[in-house]
Amino acid sequence: EHGITPQGIEKEIRAGIMEQKEEIKPAQTQQEYLEEYIKELEFRVDLANRNLQFDQAVKLKEEIKKLKSLPKGKK
């Protein structure tokens, strides 16, 4: 009626995928994960102390001590 012929869209998709692959961060090593977990536990200890939950803080401190005493390669 209006003389318009439908056409498919031609778009380069691969470039976008390649850019996303470059942005992906490498997985954390087990040691890095453990260090991050210990920091989280230390934060929880502080929070427990602020909320006067001293028994919970002691348990968390004991867990931190166990994790820190592990050999570096075995964490």
N, C-alpha and C. Protein backbone atom coordinates (compact mmCIF):
# COMPACT_ATOMS: atom_id res chain seq x y z
N GLU A 1 0.81 -1.18 0.00
CA GLU A 1 0.00 0.00 0.00
C GLU A 1 0.87 1.26 0.00
N HIS A 2 1.89 1.33 0.89
CA HIS A 2 2.74 2.52 0.96
C HIS A 2 4.08 2.31 0.26
N GLY A 3 4.27 1.14 -0.31
CA GLY A 3 5.51 0.85 -1.01
C GLY A 3 6.68 0.57 -0.08
N ILE A 4 6.42 0.14 1.16
CA ILE A 4 7.49 -0.17 2.12
C ILE A 4 7.66 -1.68 2.17
N THR A 5 8.90 -2.11 2.00
CA THR A 5 9.20 -3.54 2.06
C THR A 5 9.89 -3.83 3.40
N PRO A 6 9.35 -4.76 4.19
CA PRO A 6 9.98 -5.09 5.48
C PRO A 6 11.38 -5.69 5.26
N GLN A 7 12.31 -5.30 6.11
CA GLN A 7 13.67 -5.83 6.05
C GLN A 7 14.10 -6.26 7.45
N GLY A 8 14.94 -7.29 7.50
CA GLY A 8 15.49 -7.74 8.77
C GLY A 8 16.56 -6.79 9.26
N ILE A 9 16.77 -6.81 10.54
CA ILE A 9 17.80 -5.95 11.12
C ILE A 9 19.13 -6.68 11.05
N GLU A 10 20.14 -6.02 10.56
CA GLU A 10 21.48 -6.59 10.51
C GLU A 10 22.33 -5.85 11.53
N LYS A 11 22.75 -6.60 12.55
CA LYS A 11 23.48 -5.96 13.64
C LYS A 11 24.63 -6.88 14.07
N GLU A 12 25.76 -6.31 14.33
CA GLU A 12 26.91 -7.09 14.79
C GLU A 12 26.73 -7.39 16.28
N ILE A 13 26.55 -8.65 16.61
CA ILE A 13 26.32 -9.05 17.99
C ILE A 13 27.63 -9.46 18.66
N ARG A 14 28.51 -10.04 17.94
CA ARG A 14 29.75 -10.59 18.48
C ARG A 14 30.58 -9.55 19.24
N ALA A 15 30.63 -8.34 18.77
CA ALA A 15 31.44 -7.31 19.42
C ALA A 15 30.97 -7.08 20.85
N GLY A 16 29.68 -7.04 21.06
CA GLY A 16 29.14 -6.83 22.40
C GLY A 16 29.47 -7.97 23.33
N ILE A 17 29.42 -9.18 22.81
CA ILE A 17 29.74 -10.35 23.63
C ILE A 17 31.21 -10.33 24.02
N MET A 18 32.07 -9.99 23.11
CA MET A 18 33.50 -9.95 23.40
C MET A 18 33.81 -8.89 24.45
N GLU A 19 33.15 -7.76 24.39
CA GLU A 19 33.37 -6.71 25.38
C GLU A 19 32.96 -7.19 26.77
N GLN A 20 31.86 -7.92 26.85
CA GLN A 20 31.40 -8.42 28.13
C GLN A 20 32.37 -9.44 28.71
N LYS A 21 32.95 -10.27 27.86
CA LYS A 21 33.90 -11.27 28.35
C LYS A 21 35.11 -10.59 28.98
N GLU A 22 35.54 -9.48 28.45
CA GLU A 22 36.69 -8.78 29.00
C GLU A 22 36.38 -8.18 30.36
N GLU A 23 35.13 -7.85 30.61
CA GLU A 23 34.74 -7.22 31.87
C GLU A 23 34.58 -8.22 33.01
N ILE A 24 34.47 -9.50 32.69
CA ILE A 24 34.27 -10.51 33.72
C ILE A 24 35.53 -10.64 34.55
N LYS A 25 35.38 -10.55 35.86
CA LYS A 25 36.53 -10.64 36.76
C LYS A 25 36.89 -12.11 36.96
N PRO A 26 38.16 -12.40 37.15
CA PRO A 26 38.55 -13.78 37.43
C PRO A 26 37.98 -14.22 38.77
N ALA A 27 37.75 -15.49 38.90
CA ALA A 27 37.20 -16.03 40.14
C ALA A 27 38.18 -15.81 41.28
N GLN A 28 37.65 -15.60 42.46
CA GLN A 28 38.50 -15.41 43.63
C GLN A 28 39.22 -16.71 43.95
N THR A 29 40.44 -16.58 44.41
CA THR A 29 41.14 -17.77 44.88
C THR A 29 40.55 -18.15 46.23
N GLN A 30 40.83 -19.35 46.63
CA GLN A 30 40.31 -19.82 47.91
C GLN A 30 40.84 -18.95 49.05
N GLN A 31 42.10 -18.54 48.95
CA GLN A 31 42.71 -17.70 49.99
C GLN A 31 42.01 -16.34 50.06
N GLU A 32 41.74 -15.74 48.90
CA GLU A 32 41.06 -14.44 48.87
C GLU A 32 39.65 -14.54 49.45
N TYR A 33 38.97 -15.64 49.12
CA TYR A 33 37.62 -15.85 49.65
C TYR A 33 37.67 -15.96 51.17
N LEU A 34 38.65 -16.70 51.67
CA LEU A 34 38.77 -16.89 53.11
C LEU A 34 39.05 -15.57 53.82
N GLU A 35 39.93 -14.76 53.25
CA GLU A 35 40.25 -13.47 53.85
C GLU A 35 39.01 -12.57 53.90
N GLU A 36 38.23 -12.62 52.84
CA GLU A 36 36.99 -11.83 52.80
C GLU A 36 36.00 -12.33 53.85
N TYR A 37 35.93 -13.66 54.01
CA TYR A 37 35.03 -14.26 55.00
C TYR A 37 35.46 -13.86 56.41
N ILE A 38 36.76 -13.86 56.67
CA ILE A 38 37.26 -13.46 57.99
C ILE A 38 36.89 -12.00 58.27
N LYS A 39 37.01 -11.15 57.28
CA LYS A 39 36.62 -9.74 57.47
C LYS A 39 35.14 -9.63 57.82
N GLU A 40 34.32 -10.44 57.16
CA GLU A 40 32.88 -10.45 57.45
C GLU A 40 32.64 -10.90 58.89
N LEU A 41 33.35 -11.93 59.32
CA LEU A 41 33.20 -12.41 60.70
C LEU A 41 33.64 -11.34 61.70
N GLU A 42 34.72 -10.63 61.39
CA GLU A 42 35.18 -9.56 62.27
C GLU A 42 34.14 -8.45 62.38
N PHE A 43 33.49 -8.15 61.27
CA PHE A 43 32.41 -7.16 61.29
C PHE A 43 31.27 -7.65 62.19
N ARG A 44 30.95 -8.93 62.09
CA ARG A 44 29.88 -9.49 62.92
C ARG A 44 30.24 -9.46 64.40
N VAL A 45 31.53 -9.67 64.71
CA VAL A 45 31.98 -9.59 66.10
C VAL A 45 31.72 -8.18 66.63
N ASP A 46 32.11 -7.20 65.86
CA ASP A 46 31.90 -5.80 66.26
C ASP A 46 30.42 -5.51 66.47
N LEU A 47 29.61 -5.99 65.55
CA LEU A 47 28.16 -5.78 65.65
C LEU A 47 27.58 -6.47 66.88
N ALA A 48 28.03 -7.69 67.14
CA ALA A 48 27.55 -8.42 68.32
C ALA A 48 27.94 -7.69 69.60
N ASN A 49 29.16 -7.18 69.65
CA ASN A 49 29.59 -6.42 70.84
C ASN A 49 28.75 -5.16 71.02
N ARG A 50 28.46 -4.48 69.95
CA ARG A 50 27.64 -3.26 70.04
C ARG A 50 26.23 -3.56 70.55
N ASN A 51 25.73 -4.75 70.20
CA ASN A 51 24.39 -5.15 70.62
C ASN A 51 24.39 -5.93 71.93
N LEU A 52 25.55 -5.91 72.60
CA LEU A 52 25.71 -6.58 73.90
C LEU A 52 25.46 -8.09 73.82
N GLN A 53 25.77 -8.67 72.69
CA GLN A 53 25.65 -10.13 72.51
C GLN A 53 27.04 -10.74 72.61
N PHE A 54 27.58 -10.71 73.82
CA PHE A 54 28.97 -11.08 74.02
C PHE A 54 29.23 -12.57 73.78
N ASP A 55 28.26 -13.42 74.10
CA ASP A 55 28.44 -14.85 73.86
C ASP A 55 28.58 -15.14 72.35
N GLN A 56 27.81 -14.45 71.55
CA GLN A 56 27.89 -14.60 70.09
C GLN A 56 29.24 -14.08 69.59
N ALA A 57 29.71 -12.97 70.15
CA ALA A 57 31.00 -12.40 69.76
C ALA A 57 32.14 -13.37 70.07
N VAL A 58 32.07 -14.03 71.21
CA VAL A 58 33.11 -14.99 71.59
C VAL A 58 33.14 -16.16 70.61
N LYS A 59 31.97 -16.67 70.24
CA LYS A 59 31.91 -17.78 69.28
C LYS A 59 32.51 -17.38 67.94
N LEU A 60 32.19 -16.18 67.50
CA LEU A 60 32.73 -15.70 66.23
C LEU A 60 34.25 -15.53 66.29
N LYS A 61 34.74 -15.02 67.42
CA LYS A 61 36.18 -14.84 67.59
C LYS A 61 36.90 -16.19 67.56
N GLU A 62 36.29 -17.21 68.17
CA GLU A 62 36.88 -18.55 68.15
C GLU A 62 36.95 -19.09 66.72
N GLU A 63 35.92 -18.86 65.95
CA GLU A 63 35.92 -19.31 64.56
C GLU A 63 36.99 -18.58 63.75
N ILE A 64 37.13 -17.29 63.98
CA ILE A 64 38.17 -16.51 63.29
C ILE A 64 39.54 -17.06 63.65
N LYS A 65 39.75 -17.37 64.93
CA LYS A 65 41.04 -17.89 65.38
C LYS A 65 41.34 -19.22 64.68
N LYS A 66 40.35 -20.09 64.56
CA LYS A 66 40.54 -21.37 63.88
C LYS A 66 40.92 -21.16 62.42
N LEU A 67 40.22 -20.25 61.76
CA LEU A 67 40.49 -20.00 60.34
C LEU A 67 41.87 -19.40 60.13
N LYS A 68 42.28 -18.52 61.02
CA LYS A 68 43.60 -17.90 60.88
C LYS A 68 44.73 -18.87 61.20
N SER A 69 44.44 -19.91 61.99
CA SER A 69 45.48 -20.87 62.36
C SER A 69 45.71 -21.93 61.28
N LEU A 70 44.84 -22.00 60.29
CA LEU A 70 45.02 -22.97 59.21
C LEU A 70 46.26 -22.62 58.40
N PRO A 71 46.95 -23.65 57.88
CA PRO A 71 48.10 -23.37 57.00
C PRO A 71 47.63 -22.59 55.77
N LYS A 72 48.49 -21.74 55.25
CA LYS A 72 48.12 -20.86 54.13
C LYS A 72 47.56 -21.63 52.95
N GLY A 73 48.14 -22.74 52.57
CA GLY A 73 47.68 -23.48 51.39
C GLY A 73 46.41 -24.26 51.61
N LYS A 74 46.04 -24.51 52.84
CA LYS A 74 44.89 -25.37 53.15
C LYS A 74 43.63 -24.59 53.44
N LYS A 75 43.70 -23.28 53.43
CA LYS A 75 42.53 -22.45 53.75
C LYS A 75 41.60 -22.57 52.64
